[in-house]
Amino acid sequence: MVVEFITCFEASNHGIWLGNFVTGLHVVDDIERPLRIYCDNKSAIQYSNNNRITTKSKFIDIKFLVVKERDQNKQISIEHIGTDSMLADPLTKGLVPKVFHEHTVHMGVIPNSTLV
């Protein structure tokens, strides 16, 4: 849970920076919707949405708690996504060949016709 929460912190930093950059270029006037961050860890999502301290969260550094603040201020929205839909999984873990090929096709790494 801690690693997933820290990953949400890093993703929110980059996403907010990019949003400020695009706004600074005057490409758009303002970005009104919150940045959506997809996470497959329900504990990290639940932790970002409430104010309780749990035993799982005691190792989270104070600087990462800005994620909770950003979620409460509607700058970001952390949403659950199923493991089957996580396209980055082939880059982070071992998968059965069929799932691996499906993900790489959806990423555009290999053409669709090579799927077995």
PDB file of N, CA and C in Angstrom:
ATOM      1  N   MET A   1       0.835  -1.193   0.000  1.00  0.00           N
ATOM      2  CA  MET A   1       0.000   0.000   0.000  1.00  0.00           C
ATOM      3  C   MET A   1       0.872   1.246   0.000  1.00  0.00           C
ATOM      4  N   VAL A   2       1.931   1.233   0.781  1.00  0.00           N
ATOM      5  CA  VAL A   2       2.799   2.409   0.890  1.00  0.00           C
ATOM      6  C   VAL A   2       3.434   2.737  -0.453  1.00  0.00           C
ATOM      7  N   VAL A   3       3.934   1.723  -1.149  1.00  0.00           N
ATOM      8  CA  VAL A   3       4.575   1.951  -2.447  1.00  0.00           C
ATOM      9  C   VAL A   3       3.576   2.489  -3.460  1.00  0.00           C
ATOM     10  N   GLU A   4       2.375   1.940  -3.476  1.00  0.00           N
ATOM     11  CA  GLU A   4       1.339   2.431  -4.400  1.00  0.00           C
ATOM     12  C   GLU A   4       0.982   3.875  -4.078  1.00  0.00           C
ATOM     13  N   PHE A   5       0.918   4.218  -2.805  1.00  0.00           N
ATOM     14  CA  PHE A   5       0.574   5.583  -2.407  1.00  0.00           C
ATOM     15  C   PHE A   5       1.674   6.559  -2.815  1.00  0.00           C
ATOM     16  N   ILE A   6       2.927   6.143  -2.649  1.00  0.00           N
ATOM     17  CA  ILE A   6       4.049   6.989  -3.071  1.00  0.00           C
ATOM     18  C   ILE A   6       4.032   7.150  -4.586  1.00  0.00           C
ATOM     19  N   THR A   7       3.655   6.114  -5.296  1.00  0.00           N
ATOM     20  CA  THR A   7       3.538   6.205  -6.753  1.00  0.00           C
ATOM     21  C   THR A   7       2.450   7.192  -7.145  1.00  0.00           C
ATOM     22  N   CYS A   8       1.344   7.210  -6.413  1.00  0.00           N
ATOM     23  CA  CYS A   8       0.286   8.199  -6.660  1.00  0.00           C
ATOM     24  C   CYS A   8       0.815   9.618  -6.427  1.00  0.00           C
ATOM     25  N   PHE A   9       1.672   9.776  -5.417  1.00  0.00           N
ATOM     26  CA  PHE A   9       2.293  11.069  -5.139  1.00  0.00           C
ATOM     27  C   PHE A   9       3.130  11.521  -6.337  1.00  0.00           C
ATOM     28  N   GLU A  10       3.981  10.633  -6.828  1.00  0.00           N
ATOM     29  CA  GLU A  10       4.846  10.980  -7.960  1.00  0.00           C
ATOM     30  C   GLU A  10       4.023  11.283  -9.215  1.00  0.00           C
ATOM     31  N   ALA A  11       3.006  10.466  -9.463  1.00  0.00           N
ATOM     32  CA  ALA A  11       2.152  10.692 -10.633  1.00  0.00           C
ATOM     33  C   ALA A  11       1.415  12.024 -10.524  1.00  0.00           C
ATOM     34  N   SER A  12       0.943  12.344  -9.327  1.00  0.00           N
ATOM     35  CA  SER A  12       0.228  13.615  -9.156  1.00  0.00           C
ATOM     36  C   SER A  12       1.170  14.802  -9.331  1.00  0.00           C
ATOM     37  N   ASN A  13       2.408  14.676  -8.862  1.00  0.00           N
ATOM     38  CA  ASN A  13       3.382  15.750  -9.066  1.00  0.00           C
ATOM     39  C   ASN A  13       3.598  16.026 -10.552  1.00  0.00           C
ATOM     40  N   HIS A  14       3.831  14.966 -11.301  1.00  0.00           N
ATOM     41  CA  HIS A  14       4.081  15.123 -12.734  1.00  0.00           C
ATOM     42  C   HIS A  14       2.840  15.618 -13.471  1.00  0.00           C
ATOM     43  N   GLY A  15       1.692  15.087 -13.105  1.00  0.00           N
ATOM     44  CA  GLY A  15       0.450  15.507 -13.763  1.00  0.00           C
ATOM     45  C   GLY A  15       0.107  16.962 -13.492  1.00  0.00           C
ATOM     46  N   ILE A  16       0.263  17.399 -12.259  1.00  0.00           N
ATOM     47  CA  ILE A  16      -0.025  18.798 -11.920  1.00  0.00           C
ATOM     48  C   ILE A  16       0.982  19.719 -12.583  1.00  0.00           C
ATOM     49  N   TRP A  17       2.253  19.311 -12.626  1.00  0.00           N
ATOM     50  CA  TRP A  17       3.260  20.117 -13.315  1.00  0.00           C
ATOM     51  C   TRP A  17       2.897  20.267 -14.788  1.00  0.00           C
ATOM     52  N   LEU A  18       2.522  19.159 -15.419  1.00  0.00           N
ATOM     53  CA  LEU A  18       2.153  19.198 -16.833  1.00  0.00           C
ATOM     54  C   LEU A  18       0.929  20.080 -17.059  1.00  0.00           C
ATOM     55  N   GLY A  19      -0.059  19.983 -16.178  1.00  0.00           N
ATOM     56  CA  GLY A  19      -1.246  20.838 -16.284  1.00  0.00           C
ATOM     57  C   GLY A  19      -0.895  22.313 -16.160  1.00  0.00           C
ATOM     58  N   ASN A  20      -0.002  22.640 -15.216  1.00  0.00           N
ATOM     59  CA  ASN A  20       0.444  24.032 -15.062  1.00  0.00           C
ATOM     60  C   ASN A  20       1.246  24.499 -16.273  1.00  0.00           C
ATOM     61  N   PHE A  21       2.034  23.603 -16.849  1.00  0.00           N
ATOM     62  CA  PHE A  21       2.818  23.931 -18.036  1.00  0.00           C
ATOM     63  C   PHE A  21       1.910  24.255 -19.218  1.00  0.00           C
ATOM     64  N   VAL A  22       0.913  23.413 -19.448  1.00  0.00           N
ATOM     65  CA  VAL A  22      -0.023  23.624 -20.561  1.00  0.00           C
ATOM     66  C   VAL A  22      -0.818  24.908 -20.342  1.00  0.00           C
ATOM     67  N   THR A  23      -1.248  25.145 -19.113  1.00  0.00           N
ATOM     68  CA  THR A  23      -1.975  26.376 -18.801  1.00  0.00           C
ATOM     69  C   THR A  23      -1.075  27.592 -18.999  1.00  0.00           C
ATOM     70  N   GLY A  24       0.199  27.467 -18.610  1.00  0.00           N
ATOM     71  CA  GLY A  24       1.154  28.560 -18.782  1.00  0.00           C
ATOM     72  C   GLY A  24       1.439  28.881 -20.236  1.00  0.00           C
ATOM     73  N   LEU A  25       1.286  27.921 -21.112  1.00  0.00           N
ATOM     74  CA  LEU A  25       1.468  28.145 -22.547  1.00  0.00           C
ATOM     75  C   LEU A  25       0.245  28.811 -23.173  1.00  0.00           C
ATOM     76  N   HIS A  26      -0.805  28.950 -22.389  1.00  0.00           N
ATOM     77  CA  HIS A  26      -2.076  29.526 -22.827  1.00  0.00           C
ATOM     78  C   HIS A  26      -2.709  28.725 -23.960  1.00  0.00           C
ATOM     79  N   VAL A  27      -2.452  27.411 -23.937  1.00  0.00           N
ATOM     80  CA  VAL A  27      -3.114  26.504 -24.876  1.00  0.00           C
ATOM     81  C   VAL A  27      -4.579  26.372 -24.479  1.00  0.00           C
ATOM     82  N   VAL A  28      -4.811  26.307 -23.173  1.00  0.00           N
ATOM     83  CA  VAL A  28      -6.157  26.293 -22.608  1.00  0.00           C
ATOM     84  C   VAL A  28      -6.207  27.343 -21.508  1.00  0.00           C
ATOM     85  N   ASP A  29      -7.391  27.852 -21.229  1.00  0.00           N
ATOM     86  CA  ASP A  29      -7.521  28.868 -20.185  1.00  0.00           C
ATOM     87  C   ASP A  29      -7.308  28.269 -18.803  1.00  0.00           C
ATOM     88  N   ASP A  30      -7.972  27.149 -18.538  1.00  0.00           N
ATOM     89  CA  ASP A  30      -7.884  26.536 -17.226  1.00  0.00           C
ATOM     90  C   ASP A  30      -8.295  25.078 -17.344  1.00  0.00           C
ATOM     91  N   ILE A  31      -7.735  24.253 -16.501  1.00  0.00           N
ATOM     92  CA  ILE A  31      -8.113  22.841 -16.462  1.00  0.00           C
ATOM     93  C   ILE A  31      -8.994  22.674 -15.236  1.00  0.00           C
ATOM     94  N   GLU A  32     -10.273  22.430 -15.474  1.00  0.00           N
ATOM     95  CA  GLU A  32     -11.246  22.406 -14.387  1.00  0.00           C
ATOM     96  C   GLU A  32     -11.400  21.038 -13.745  1.00  0.00           C
ATOM     97  N   ARG A  33     -11.255  19.997 -14.531  1.00  0.00           N
ATOM     98  CA  ARG A  33     -11.463  18.651 -13.992  1.00  0.00           C
ATOM     99  C   ARG A  33     -10.246  18.198 -13.199  1.00  0.00           C
ATOM    100  N   PRO A  34     -10.478  17.369 -12.180  1.00  0.00           N
ATOM    101  CA  PRO A  34      -9.328  16.832 -11.438  1.00  0.00           C
ATOM    102  C   PRO A  34      -8.546  15.826 -12.287  1.00  0.00           C
ATOM    103  N   LEU A  35      -7.277  15.739 -12.041  1.00  0.00           N
ATOM    104  CA  LEU A  35      -6.413  14.776 -12.711  1.00  0.00           C
ATOM    105  C   LEU A  35      -6.781  13.386 -12.214  1.00  0.00           C
ATOM    106  N   ARG A  36      -7.091  12.467 -13.121  1.00  0.00           N
ATOM    107  CA  ARG A  36      -7.449  11.100 -12.736  1.00  0.00           C
ATOM    108  C   ARG A  36      -6.200  10.244 -12.679  1.00  0.00           C
ATOM    109  N   ILE A  37      -5.999   9.612 -11.544  1.00  0.00           N
ATOM    110  CA  ILE A  37      -4.892   8.684 -11.370  1.00  0.00           C
ATOM    111  C   ILE A  37      -5.505   7.317 -11.116  1.00  0.00           C
ATOM    112  N   TYR A  38      -5.122   6.348 -11.942  1.00  0.00           N
ATOM    113  CA  TYR A  38      -5.667   5.000 -11.792  1.00  0.00           C
ATOM    114  C   TYR A  38      -4.709   4.151 -10.963  1.00  0.00           C
ATOM    115  N   CYS A  39      -5.275   3.423 -10.025  1.00  0.00           N
ATOM    116  CA  CYS A  39      -4.486   2.613  -9.103  1.00  0.00           C
ATOM    117  C   CYS A  39      -5.206   1.281  -8.911  1.00  0.00           C
ATOM    118  N   ASP A  40      -4.454   0.196  -8.843  1.00  0.00           N
ATOM    119  CA  ASP A  40      -5.092  -1.108  -8.638  1.00  0.00           C
ATOM    120  C   ASP A  40      -5.022  -1.573  -7.190  1.00  0.00           C
ATOM    121  N   ASN A  41      -4.596  -0.690  -6.286  1.00  0.00           N
ATOM    122  CA  ASN A  41      -4.493  -1.035  -4.875  1.00  0.00           C
ATOM    123  C   ASN A  41      -5.599  -0.333  -4.104  1.00  0.00           C
ATOM    124  N   LYS A  42      -6.589  -1.096  -3.665  1.00  0.00           N
ATOM    125  CA  LYS A  42      -7.745  -0.512  -2.974  1.00  0.00           C
ATOM    126  C   LYS A  42      -7.364   0.132  -1.648  1.00  0.00           C
ATOM    127  N   SER A  43      -6.355  -0.397  -0.969  1.00  0.00           N
ATOM    128  CA  SER A  43      -5.926   0.195   0.299  1.00  0.00           C
ATOM    129  C   SER A  43      -5.369   1.594   0.097  1.00  0.00           C
ATOM    130  N   ALA A  44      -4.581   1.788  -0.955  1.00  0.00           N
ATOM    131  CA  ALA A  44      -4.022   3.111  -1.244  1.00  0.00           C
ATOM    132  C   ALA A  44      -5.132   4.100  -1.594  1.00  0.00           C
ATOM    133  N   ILE A  45      -6.125   3.651  -2.332  1.00  0.00           N
ATOM    134  CA  ILE A  45      -7.249   4.519  -2.701  1.00  0.00           C
ATOM    135  C   ILE A  45      -8.046   4.891  -1.459  1.00  0.00           C
ATOM    136  N   GLN A  46      -8.337   3.904  -0.625  1.00  0.00           N
ATOM    137  CA  GLN A  46      -9.102   4.162   0.590  1.00  0.00           C
ATOM    138  C   GLN A  46      -8.333   5.091   1.519  1.00  0.00           C
ATOM    139  N   TYR A  47      -7.034   4.902   1.630  1.00  0.00           N
ATOM    140  CA  TYR A  47      -6.213   5.760   2.485  1.00  0.00           C
ATOM    141  C   TYR A  47      -6.208   7.204   1.988  1.00  0.00           C
ATOM    142  N   SER A  48      -6.210   7.395   0.682  1.00  0.00           N
ATOM    143  CA  SER A  48      -6.200   8.756   0.138  1.00  0.00           C
ATOM    144  C   SER A  48      -7.540   9.461   0.360  1.00  0.00           C
ATOM    145  N   ASN A  49      -8.610   8.679   0.550  1.00  0.00           N
ATOM    146  CA  ASN A  49      -9.939   9.263   0.696  1.00  0.00           C
ATOM    147  C   ASN A  49     -10.388   9.500   2.132  1.00  0.00           C
ATOM    148  N   ASN A  50      -9.609   9.063   3.116  1.00  0.00           N
ATOM    149  CA  ASN A  50     -10.040   9.293   4.497  1.00  0.00           C
ATOM    150  C   ASN A  50      -8.910   9.886   5.328  1.00  0.00           C
ATOM    151  N   ASN A  51      -9.241  10.301   6.529  1.00  0.00           N
ATOM    152  CA  ASN A  51      -8.277  10.980   7.388  1.00  0.00           C
ATOM    153  C   ASN A  51      -7.705  10.091   8.484  1.00  0.00           C
ATOM    154  N   ARG A  52      -8.025   8.822   8.474  1.00  0.00           N
ATOM    155  CA  ARG A  52      -7.544   7.930   9.526  1.00  0.00           C
ATOM    156  C   ARG A  52      -6.092   7.540   9.297  1.00  0.00           C
ATOM    157  N   ILE A  53      -5.406   7.287  10.388  1.00  0.00           N
ATOM    158  CA  ILE A  53      -4.053   6.736  10.343  1.00  0.00           C
ATOM    159  C   ILE A  53      -4.187   5.246  10.653  1.00  0.00           C
ATOM    160  N   THR A  54      -3.584   4.411   9.835  1.00  0.00           N
ATOM    161  CA  THR A  54      -3.658   2.970  10.062  1.00  0.00           C
ATOM    162  C   THR A  54      -2.250   2.425  10.281  1.00  0.00           C
ATOM    163  N   THR A  55      -2.160   1.178  10.716  1.00  0.00           N
ATOM    164  CA  THR A  55      -0.844   0.572  10.918  1.00  0.00           C
ATOM    165  C   THR A  55      -0.086   0.447   9.601  1.00  0.00           C
ATOM    166  N   LYS A  56      -0.811   0.300   8.498  1.00  0.00           N
ATOM    167  CA  LYS A  56      -0.166   0.213   7.189  1.00  0.00           C
ATOM    168  C   LYS A  56       0.449   1.546   6.771  1.00  0.00           C
ATOM    169  N   SER A  57      -0.053   2.626   7.314  1.00  0.00           N
ATOM    170  CA  SER A  57       0.384   3.951   6.869  1.00  0.00           C
ATOM    171  C   SER A  57       1.457   4.573   7.742  1.00  0.00           C
ATOM    172  N   LYS A  58       1.919   3.878   8.766  1.00  0.00           N
ATOM    173  CA  LYS A  58       2.866   4.503   9.685  1.00  0.00           C
ATOM    174  C   LYS A  58       4.226   4.774   9.052  1.00  0.00           C
ATOM    175  N   PHE A  59       4.541   4.141   7.923  1.00  0.00           N
ATOM    176  CA  PHE A  59       5.822   4.354   7.265  1.00  0.00           C
ATOM    177  C   PHE A  59       5.751   5.405   6.161  1.00  0.00           C
ATOM    178  N   ILE A  60       4.595   6.012   5.979  1.00  0.00           N
ATOM    179  CA  ILE A  60       4.457   7.020   4.930  1.00  0.00           C
ATOM    180  C   ILE A  60       5.012   8.346   5.433  1.00  0.00           C
ATOM    181  N   ASP A  61       5.950   8.884   4.698  1.00  0.00           N
ATOM    182  CA  ASP A  61       6.577  10.159   5.046  1.00  0.00           C
ATOM    183  C   ASP A  61       5.548  11.281   4.921  1.00  0.00           C
ATOM    184  N   ILE A  62       5.717  12.294   5.716  1.00  0.00           N
ATOM    185  CA  ILE A  62       4.766  13.417   5.743  1.00  0.00           C
ATOM    186  C   ILE A  62       4.622  14.069   4.374  1.00  0.00           C
ATOM    187  N   LYS A  63       5.706  14.141   3.603  1.00  0.00           N
ATOM    188  CA  LYS A  63       5.625  14.804   2.299  1.00  0.00           C
ATOM    189  C   LYS A  63       4.652  14.105   1.349  1.00  0.00           C
ATOM    190  N   PHE A  64       4.432  12.806   1.551  1.00  0.00           N
ATOM    191  CA  PHE A  64       3.523  12.082   0.672  1.00  0.00           C
ATOM    192  C   PHE A  64       2.057  12.316   1.032  1.00  0.00           C
ATOM    193  N   LEU A  65       1.794  12.879   2.199  1.00  0.00           N
ATOM    194  CA  LEU A  65       0.420  13.136   2.613  1.00  0.00           C
ATOM    195  C   LEU A  65      -0.227  14.247   1.785  1.00  0.00           C
ATOM    196  N   VAL A  66       0.560  14.919   0.941  1.00  0.00           N
ATOM    197  CA  VAL A  66       0.009  15.927   0.042  1.00  0.00           C
ATOM    198  C   VAL A  66      -0.982  15.280  -0.930  1.00  0.00           C
ATOM    199  N   VAL A  67      -0.851  13.984  -1.157  1.00  0.00           N
ATOM    200  CA  VAL A  67      -1.799  13.270  -2.026  1.00  0.00           C
ATOM    201  C   VAL A  67      -3.199  13.345  -1.432  1.00  0.00           C
ATOM    202  N   LYS A  68      -3.327  13.137  -0.126  1.00  0.00           N
ATOM    203  CA  LYS A  68      -4.634  13.235   0.531  1.00  0.00           C
ATOM    204  C   LYS A  68      -5.195  14.647   0.383  1.00  0.00           C
ATOM    205  N   GLU A  69      -4.317  15.625   0.555  1.00  0.00           N
ATOM    206  CA  GLU A  69      -4.729  17.023   0.441  1.00  0.00           C
ATOM    207  C   GLU A  69      -5.206  17.331  -0.977  1.00  0.00           C
ATOM    208  N   ARG A  70      -4.470  16.861  -1.969  1.00  0.00           N
ATOM    209  CA  ARG A  70      -4.844  17.092  -3.371  1.00  0.00           C
ATOM    210  C   ARG A  70      -6.160  16.406  -3.707  1.00  0.00           C
ATOM    211  N   ASP A  71      -6.380  15.234  -3.131  1.00  0.00           N
ATOM    212  CA  ASP A  71      -7.639  14.517  -3.356  1.00  0.00           C
ATOM    213  C   ASP A  71      -8.800  15.268  -2.712  1.00  0.00           C
ATOM    214  N   GLN A  72      -8.604  15.769  -1.513  1.00  0.00           N
ATOM    215  CA  GLN A  72      -9.665  16.508  -0.821  1.00  0.00           C
ATOM    216  C   GLN A  72      -9.943  17.851  -1.495  1.00  0.00           C
ATOM    217  N   ASN A  73      -8.913  18.465  -2.080  1.00  0.00           N
ATOM    218  CA  ASN A  73      -9.078  19.750  -2.780  1.00  0.00           C
ATOM    219  C   ASN A  73      -9.547  19.577  -4.220  1.00  0.00           C
ATOM    220  N   LYS A  74      -9.788  18.340  -4.636  1.00  0.00           N
ATOM    221  CA  LYS A  74     -10.278  18.007  -5.977  1.00  0.00           C
ATOM    222  C   LYS A  74      -9.285  18.371  -7.082  1.00  0.00           C
ATOM    223  N   GLN A  75      -7.979  18.395  -6.746  1.00  0.00           N
ATOM    224  CA  GLN A  75      -6.961  18.563  -7.778  1.00  0.00           C
ATOM    225  C   GLN A  75      -6.740  17.245  -8.503  1.00  0.00           C
ATOM    226  N   ILE A  76      -6.816  16.145  -7.741  1.00  0.00           N
ATOM    227  CA  ILE A  76      -6.650  14.820  -8.318  1.00  0.00           C
ATOM    228  C   ILE A  76      -7.808  13.933  -7.870  1.00  0.00           C
ATOM    229  N   SER A  77      -7.977  12.862  -8.595  1.00  0.00           N
ATOM    230  CA  SER A  77      -8.973  11.856  -8.246  1.00  0.00           C
ATOM    231  C   SER A  77      -8.323  10.495  -8.450  1.00  0.00           C
ATOM    232  N   ILE A  78      -8.172   9.745  -7.368  1.00  0.00           N
ATOM    233  CA  ILE A  78      -7.568   8.421  -7.462  1.00  0.00           C
ATOM    234  C   ILE A  78      -8.687   7.409  -7.606  1.00  0.00           C
ATOM    235  N   GLU A  79      -8.657   6.681  -8.711  1.00  0.00           N
ATOM    236  CA  GLU A  79      -9.731   5.750  -9.036  1.00  0.00           C
ATOM    237  C   GLU A  79      -9.181   4.343  -9.195  1.00  0.00           C
ATOM    238  N   HIS A  80     -10.007   3.370  -8.838  1.00  0.00           N
ATOM    239  CA  HIS A  80      -9.596   1.969  -8.945  1.00  0.00           C
ATOM    240  C   HIS A  80      -9.701   1.501 -10.393  1.00  0.00           C
ATOM    241  N   ILE A  81      -8.723   0.715 -10.773  1.00  0.00           N
ATOM    242  CA  ILE A  81      -8.750   0.065 -12.074  1.00  0.00           C
ATOM    243  C   ILE A  81      -8.318  -1.381 -11.854  1.00  0.00           C
ATOM    244  N   GLY A  82      -9.002  -2.283 -12.491  1.00  0.00           N
ATOM    245  CA  GLY A  82      -8.698  -3.698 -12.309  1.00  0.00           C
ATOM    246  C   GLY A  82      -7.328  -4.063 -12.847  1.00  0.00           C
ATOM    247  N   THR A  83      -6.736  -5.078 -12.271  1.00  0.00           N
ATOM    248  CA  THR A  83      -5.407  -5.518 -12.692  1.00  0.00           C
ATOM    249  C   THR A  83      -5.409  -5.918 -14.164  1.00  0.00           C
ATOM    250  N   ASP A  84      -6.518  -6.455 -14.650  1.00  0.00           N
ATOM    251  CA  ASP A  84      -6.591  -6.848 -16.056  1.00  0.00           C
ATOM    252  C   ASP A  84      -6.477  -5.659 -16.996  1.00  0.00           C
ATOM    253  N   SER A  85      -6.813  -4.473 -16.525  1.00  0.00           N
ATOM    254  CA  SER A  85      -6.777  -3.276 -17.366  1.00  0.00           C
ATOM    255  C   SER A  85      -5.501  -2.466 -17.204  1.00  0.00           C
ATOM    256  N   MET A  86      -4.601  -2.898 -16.351  1.00  0.00           N
ATOM    257  CA  MET A  86      -3.355  -2.168 -16.127  1.00  0.00           C
ATOM    258  C   MET A  86      -2.370  -2.512 -17.235  1.00  0.00           C
ATOM    259  N   LEU A  87      -2.272  -1.655 -18.231  1.00  0.00           N
ATOM    260  CA  LEU A  87      -1.427  -1.935 -19.383  1.00  0.00           C
ATOM    261  C   LEU A  87       0.058  -1.944 -19.052  1.00  0.00           C
ATOM    262  N   ALA A  88       0.453  -1.321 -17.965  1.00  0.00           N
ATOM    263  CA  ALA A  88       1.870  -1.287 -17.603  1.00  0.00           C
ATOM    264  C   ALA A  88       2.334  -2.576 -16.930  1.00  0.00           C
ATOM    265  N   ASP A  89       1.432  -3.490 -16.630  1.00  0.00           N
ATOM    266  CA  ASP A  89       1.804  -4.715 -15.931  1.00  0.00           C
ATOM    267  C   ASP A  89       2.922  -5.512 -16.613  1.00  0.00           C
ATOM    268  N   PRO A  90       2.964  -5.622 -17.956  1.00  0.00           N
ATOM    269  CA  PRO A  90       4.080  -6.369 -18.553  1.00  0.00           C
ATOM    270  C   PRO A  90       5.441  -5.744 -18.241  1.00  0.00           C
ATOM    271  N   LEU A  91       5.459  -4.475 -17.902  1.00  0.00           N
ATOM    272  CA  LEU A  91       6.713  -3.805 -17.582  1.00  0.00           C
ATOM    273  C   LEU A  91       7.110  -3.981 -16.123  1.00  0.00           C
ATOM    274  N   THR A  92       6.176  -4.424 -15.284  1.00  0.00           N
ATOM    275  CA  THR A  92       6.450  -4.476 -13.848  1.00  0.00           C
ATOM    276  C   THR A  92       6.348  -5.860 -13.227  1.00  0.00           C
ATOM    277  N   LYS A  93       5.753  -6.820 -13.909  1.00  0.00           N
ATOM    278  CA  LYS A  93       5.591  -8.146 -13.307  1.00  0.00           C
ATOM    279  C   LYS A  93       5.465  -9.213 -14.379  1.00  0.00           C
ATOM    280  N   GLY A  94       5.676 -10.438 -13.958  1.00  0.00           N
ATOM    281  CA  GLY A  94       5.523 -11.565 -14.863  1.00  0.00           C
ATOM    282  C   GLY A  94       4.054 -11.875 -15.080  1.00  0.00           C
ATOM    283  N   LEU A  95       3.684 -12.102 -16.321  1.00  0.00           N
ATOM    284  CA  LEU A  95       2.296 -12.427 -16.662  1.00  0.00           C
ATOM    285  C   LEU A  95       2.274 -13.693 -17.489  1.00  0.00           C
ATOM    286  N   VAL A  96       1.131 -14.360 -17.500  1.00  0.00           N
ATOM    287  CA  VAL A  96       0.982 -15.512 -18.392  1.00  0.00           C
ATOM    288  C   VAL A  96       1.071 -14.996 -19.825  1.00  0.00           C
ATOM    289  N   PRO A  97       1.574 -15.803 -20.751  1.00  0.00           N
ATOM    290  CA  PRO A  97       1.803 -15.326 -22.122  1.00  0.00           C
ATOM    291  C   PRO A  97       0.587 -14.678 -22.792  1.00  0.00           C
ATOM    292  N   LYS A  98      -0.611 -15.253 -22.603  1.00  0.00           N
ATOM    293  CA  LYS A  98      -1.796 -14.693 -23.262  1.00  0.00           C
ATOM    294  C   LYS A  98      -2.075 -13.263 -22.796  1.00  0.00           C
ATOM    295  N   VAL A  99      -2.031 -13.035 -21.477  1.00  0.00           N
ATOM    296  CA  VAL A  99      -2.279 -11.702 -20.927  1.00  0.00           C
ATOM    297  C   VAL A  99      -1.168 -10.746 -21.352  1.00  0.00           C
ATOM    298  N   PHE A 100       0.083 -11.236 -21.347  1.00  0.00           N
ATOM    299  CA  PHE A 100       1.216 -10.421 -21.781  1.00  0.00           C
ATOM    300  C   PHE A 100       1.010  -9.931 -23.214  1.00  0.00           C
ATOM    301  N   HIS A 101       0.630 -10.833 -24.115  1.00  0.00           N
ATOM    302  CA  HIS A 101       0.411 -10.460 -25.516  1.00  0.00           C
ATOM    303  C   HIS A 101      -0.764  -9.490 -25.668  1.00  0.00           C
ATOM    304  N   GLU A 102      -1.839  -9.705 -24.920  1.00  0.00           N
ATOM    305  CA  GLU A 102      -2.985  -8.789 -24.972  1.00  0.00           C
ATOM    306  C   GLU A 102      -2.577  -7.372 -24.561  1.00  0.00           C
ATOM    307  N   HIS A 103      -1.810  -7.266 -23.479  1.00  0.00           N
ATOM    308  CA  HIS A 103      -1.378  -5.955 -23.006  1.00  0.00           C
ATOM    309  C   HIS A 103      -0.441  -5.280 -24.008  1.00  0.00           C
ATOM    310  N   THR A 104       0.489  -6.035 -24.575  1.00  0.00           N
ATOM    311  CA  THR A 104       1.414  -5.423 -25.523  1.00  0.00           C
ATOM    312  C   THR A 104       0.707  -5.000 -26.805  1.00  0.00           C
ATOM    313  N   VAL A 105      -0.324  -5.717 -27.195  1.00  0.00           N
ATOM    314  CA  VAL A 105      -1.123  -5.297 -28.355  1.00  0.00           C
ATOM    315  C   VAL A 105      -1.852  -3.992 -28.043  1.00  0.00           C
ATOM    316  N   HIS A 106      -2.456  -3.895 -26.858  1.00  0.00           N
ATOM    317  CA  HIS A 106      -3.176  -2.682 -26.476  1.00  0.00           C
ATOM    318  C   HIS A 106      -2.248  -1.488 -26.313  1.00  0.00           C
ATOM    319  N   MET A 107      -0.987  -1.754 -25.954  1.00  0.00           N
ATOM    320  CA  MET A 107      -0.003  -0.662 -25.861  1.00  0.00           C
ATOM    321  C   MET A 107       0.488  -0.242 -27.238  1.00  0.00           C
ATOM    322  N   GLY A 108       0.262  -1.082 -28.242  1.00  0.00           N
ATOM    323  CA  GLY A 108       0.730  -0.785 -29.586  1.00  0.00           C
ATOM    324  C   GLY A 108       2.162  -1.258 -29.831  1.00  0.00           C
ATOM    325  N   VAL A 109       2.673  -2.113 -28.952  1.00  0.00           N
ATOM    326  CA  VAL A 109       4.041  -2.593 -29.079  1.00  0.00           C
ATOM    327  C   VAL A 109       4.140  -3.629 -30.197  1.00  0.00           C
ATOM    328  N   ILE A 110       3.150  -4.488 -30.301  1.00  0.00           N
ATOM    329  CA  ILE A 110       3.121  -5.470 -31.384  1.00  0.00           C
ATOM    330  C   ILE A 110       1.800  -5.341 -32.116  1.00  0.00           C
ATOM    331  N   PRO A 111       1.787  -5.629 -33.404  1.00  0.00           N
ATOM    332  CA  PRO A 111       0.528  -5.528 -34.165  1.00  0.00           C
ATOM    333  C   PRO A 111      -0.500  -6.546 -33.690  1.00  0.00           C
ATOM    334  N   ASN A 112      -1.758  -6.236 -33.896  1.00  0.00           N
ATOM    335  CA  ASN A 112      -2.867  -7.080 -33.473  1.00  0.00           C
ATOM    336  C   ASN A 112      -2.864  -8.436 -34.135  1.00  0.00           C
ATOM    337  N   SER A 113      -2.375  -8.540 -35.356  1.00  0.00           N
ATOM    338  CA  SER A 113      -2.421  -9.797 -36.097  1.00  0.00           C
ATOM    339  C   SER A 113      -1.515 -10.865 -35.512  1.00  0.00           C
ATOM    340  N   THR A 114      -0.549 -10.488 -34.651  1.00  0.00           N
ATOM    341  CA  THR A 114       0.364 -11.481 -34.096  1.00  0.00           C
ATOM    342  C   THR A 114      -0.182 -12.120 -32.833  1.00  0.00           C
ATOM    343  N   LEU A 115      -1.360 -11.723 -32.393  1.00  0.00           N
ATOM    344  CA  LEU A 115      -1.951 -12.307 -31.180  1.00  0.00           C
ATOM    345  C   LEU A 115      -2.368 -13.736 -31.458  1.00  0.00           C
ATOM    346  N   VAL A 116      -1.994 -14.628 -30.579  1.00  0.00           N
ATOM    347  CA  VAL A 116      -2.303 -16.052 -30.775  1.00  0.00           C
ATOM    348  C   VAL A 116      -3.635 -16.378 -30.185  1.00  0.00           C
TER     349      VAL A 116
END
